[in-house]
Amino acid sequence: GIFDVVKGVLKGVGKNVAGSLLEQLKCKLSGGC
C-alpha cells in the first residue's frame, strides 16, 4: 500500500543522510576537508 511506499522512501532518505554524515565525519577525522 501507500504506507509501504512512504516507509521505503523514508528508509532510503535516512540511509542517505546517515551516509553523508559518516562521510563528513571520516573527512574531518582524516583531515582531508
PDB file of N, CA and C in Angstrom:
ATOM      1  N   GLY A   1       0.808  -1.202   0.000  1.00  0.00           N
ATOM      2  CA  GLY A   1       0.000   0.000   0.000  1.00  0.00           C
ATOM      3  C   GLY A   1       0.852   1.266   0.000  1.00  0.00           C
ATOM      4  N   ILE A   2       0.191   2.386   0.130  1.00  0.00           N
ATOM      5  CA  ILE A   2       0.906   3.673   0.085  1.00  0.00           C
ATOM      6  C   ILE A   2       1.828   3.835   1.283  1.00  0.00           C
ATOM      7  N   PHE A   3       1.442   3.244   2.415  1.00  0.00           N
ATOM      8  CA  PHE A   3       2.288   3.367   3.606  1.00  0.00           C
ATOM      9  C   PHE A   3       3.613   2.635   3.412  1.00  0.00           C
ATOM     10  N   ASP A   4       3.573   1.514   2.698  1.00  0.00           N
ATOM     11  CA  ASP A   4       4.802   0.775   2.407  1.00  0.00           C
ATOM     12  C   ASP A   4       5.735   1.617   1.550  1.00  0.00           C
ATOM     13  N   VAL A   5       5.154   2.330   0.591  1.00  0.00           N
ATOM     14  CA  VAL A   5       5.954   3.201  -0.278  1.00  0.00           C
ATOM     15  C   VAL A   5       6.601   4.300   0.551  1.00  0.00           C
ATOM     16  N   VAL A   6       5.805   4.920   1.424  1.00  0.00           N
ATOM     17  CA  VAL A   6       6.326   6.005   2.265  1.00  0.00           C
ATOM     18  C   VAL A   6       7.441   5.489   3.166  1.00  0.00           C
ATOM     19  N   LYS A   7       7.225   4.319   3.753  1.00  0.00           N
ATOM     20  CA  LYS A   7       8.252   3.729   4.625  1.00  0.00           C
ATOM     21  C   LYS A   7       9.545   3.493   3.852  1.00  0.00           C
ATOM     22  N   GLY A   8       9.398   2.969   2.632  1.00  0.00           N
ATOM     23  CA  GLY A   8      10.567   2.702   1.805  1.00  0.00           C
ATOM     24  C   GLY A   8      11.334   3.977   1.488  1.00  0.00           C
ATOM     25  N   VAL A   9      10.596   5.035   1.164  1.00  0.00           N
ATOM     26  CA  VAL A   9      11.233   6.314   0.842  1.00  0.00           C
ATOM     27  C   VAL A   9      11.962   6.859   2.069  1.00  0.00           C
ATOM     28  N   LEU A  10      11.310   6.795   3.227  1.00  0.00           N
ATOM     29  CA  LEU A  10      11.920   7.314   4.454  1.00  0.00           C
ATOM     30  C   LEU A  10      13.185   6.538   4.794  1.00  0.00           C
ATOM     31  N   LYS A  11      13.138   5.212   4.600  1.00  0.00           N
ATOM     32  CA  LYS A  11      14.324   4.393   4.862  1.00  0.00           C
ATOM     33  C   LYS A  11      15.469   4.811   3.951  1.00  0.00           C
ATOM     34  N   GLY A  12      15.153   5.017   2.668  1.00  0.00           N
ATOM     35  CA  GLY A  12      16.166   5.422   1.702  1.00  0.00           C
ATOM     36  C   GLY A  12      16.769   6.767   2.059  1.00  0.00           C
ATOM     37  N   VAL A  13      15.913   7.713   2.432  1.00  0.00           N
ATOM     38  CA  VAL A  13      16.389   9.049   2.799  1.00  0.00           C
ATOM     39  C   VAL A  13      17.255   8.963   4.046  1.00  0.00           C
ATOM     40  N   GLY A  14      16.815   8.175   5.026  1.00  0.00           N
ATOM     41  CA  GLY A  14      17.575   8.010   6.265  1.00  0.00           C
ATOM     42  C   GLY A  14      18.964   7.460   5.997  1.00  0.00           C
ATOM     43  N   LYS A  15      19.034   6.469   5.100  1.00  0.00           N
ATOM     44  CA  LYS A  15      20.335   5.879   4.750  1.00  0.00           C
ATOM     45  C   LYS A  15      21.233   6.920   4.107  1.00  0.00           C
ATOM     46  N   ASN A  16      20.665   7.711   3.203  1.00  0.00           N
ATOM     47  CA  ASN A  16      21.457   8.730   2.509  1.00  0.00           C
ATOM     48  C   ASN A  16      21.991   9.767   3.487  1.00  0.00           C
ATOM     49  N   VAL A  17      21.130  10.201   4.414  1.00  0.00           N
ATOM     50  CA  VAL A  17      21.539  11.206   5.395  1.00  0.00           C
ATOM     51  C   VAL A  17      22.629  10.643   6.295  1.00  0.00           C
ATOM     52  N   ALA A  18      22.429   9.424   6.792  1.00  0.00           N
ATOM     53  CA  ALA A  18      23.420   8.793   7.661  1.00  0.00           C
ATOM     54  C   ALA A  18      24.735   8.619   6.910  1.00  0.00           C
ATOM     55  N   GLY A  19      24.649   8.215   5.642  1.00  0.00           N
ATOM     56  CA  GLY A  19      25.848   8.021   4.838  1.00  0.00           C
ATOM     57  C   GLY A  19      26.627   9.310   4.653  1.00  0.00           C
ATOM     58  N   SER A  20      25.934  10.399   4.367  1.00  0.00           N
ATOM     59  CA  SER A  20      26.629  11.668   4.147  1.00  0.00           C
ATOM     60  C   SER A  20      27.231  12.181   5.452  1.00  0.00           C
ATOM     61  N   LEU A  21      26.536  11.949   6.576  1.00  0.00           N
ATOM     62  CA  LEU A  21      27.085  12.365   7.875  1.00  0.00           C
ATOM     63  C   LEU A  21      28.353  11.575   8.180  1.00  0.00           C
ATOM     64  N   LEU A  22      28.333  10.266   7.889  1.00  0.00           N
ATOM     65  CA  LEU A  22      29.511   9.433   8.121  1.00  0.00           C
ATOM     66  C   LEU A  22      30.668   9.890   7.246  1.00  0.00           C
ATOM     67  N   GLU A  23      30.380  10.229   6.002  1.00  0.00           N
ATOM     68  CA  GLU A  23      31.428  10.701   5.092  1.00  0.00           C
ATOM     69  C   GLU A  23      32.058  11.982   5.624  1.00  0.00           C
ATOM     70  N   GLN A  24      31.227  12.903   6.121  1.00  0.00           N
ATOM     71  CA  GLN A  24      31.740  14.161   6.669  1.00  0.00           C
ATOM     72  C   GLN A  24      32.621  13.885   7.880  1.00  0.00           C
ATOM     73  N   LEU A  25      32.193  12.942   8.722  1.00  0.00           N
ATOM     74  CA  LEU A  25      32.950  12.604   9.925  1.00  0.00           C
ATOM     75  C   LEU A  25      34.304  12.011   9.549  1.00  0.00           C
ATOM     76  N   LYS A  26      34.297  11.073   8.602  1.00  0.00           N
ATOM     77  CA  LYS A  26      35.551  10.464   8.130  1.00  0.00           C
ATOM     78  C   LYS A  26      36.483  11.540   7.596  1.00  0.00           C
ATOM     79  N   CYS A  27      35.914  12.454   6.812  1.00  0.00           N
ATOM     80  CA  CYS A  27      36.679  13.530   6.194  1.00  0.00           C
ATOM     81  C   CYS A  27      37.352  14.376   7.270  1.00  0.00           C
ATOM     82  N   LYS A  28      36.593  14.733   8.311  1.00  0.00           N
ATOM     83  CA  LYS A  28      37.150  15.565   9.379  1.00  0.00           C
ATOM     84  C   LYS A  28      38.215  14.809  10.160  1.00  0.00           C
ATOM     85  N   LEU A  29      37.963  13.528  10.428  1.00  0.00           N
ATOM     86  CA  LEU A  29      38.910  12.727  11.203  1.00  0.00           C
ATOM     87  C   LEU A  29      40.224  12.554  10.446  1.00  0.00           C
ATOM     88  N   SER A  30      40.129  12.391   9.129  1.00  0.00           N
ATOM     89  CA  SER A  30      41.346  12.189   8.340  1.00  0.00           C
ATOM     90  C   SER A  30      41.998  13.514   7.973  1.00  0.00           C
ATOM     91  N   GLY A  31      41.321  14.627   8.278  1.00  0.00           N
ATOM     92  CA  GLY A  31      41.888  15.944   7.992  1.00  0.00           C
ATOM     93  C   GLY A  31      41.888  16.280   6.515  1.00  0.00           C
ATOM     94  N   GLY A  32      41.005  15.639   5.745  1.00  0.00           N
ATOM     95  CA  GLY A  32      41.001  15.851   4.303  1.00  0.00           C
ATOM     96  C   GLY A  32      40.007  16.893   3.831  1.00  0.00           C
ATOM     97  N   CYS A  33      39.337  17.574   4.748  1.00  0.00           N
ATOM     98  CA  CYS A  33      38.314  18.542   4.336  1.00  0.00           C
ATOM     99  C   CYS A  33      38.948  19.847   3.876  1.00  0.00           C
TER     100      CYS A  33
END
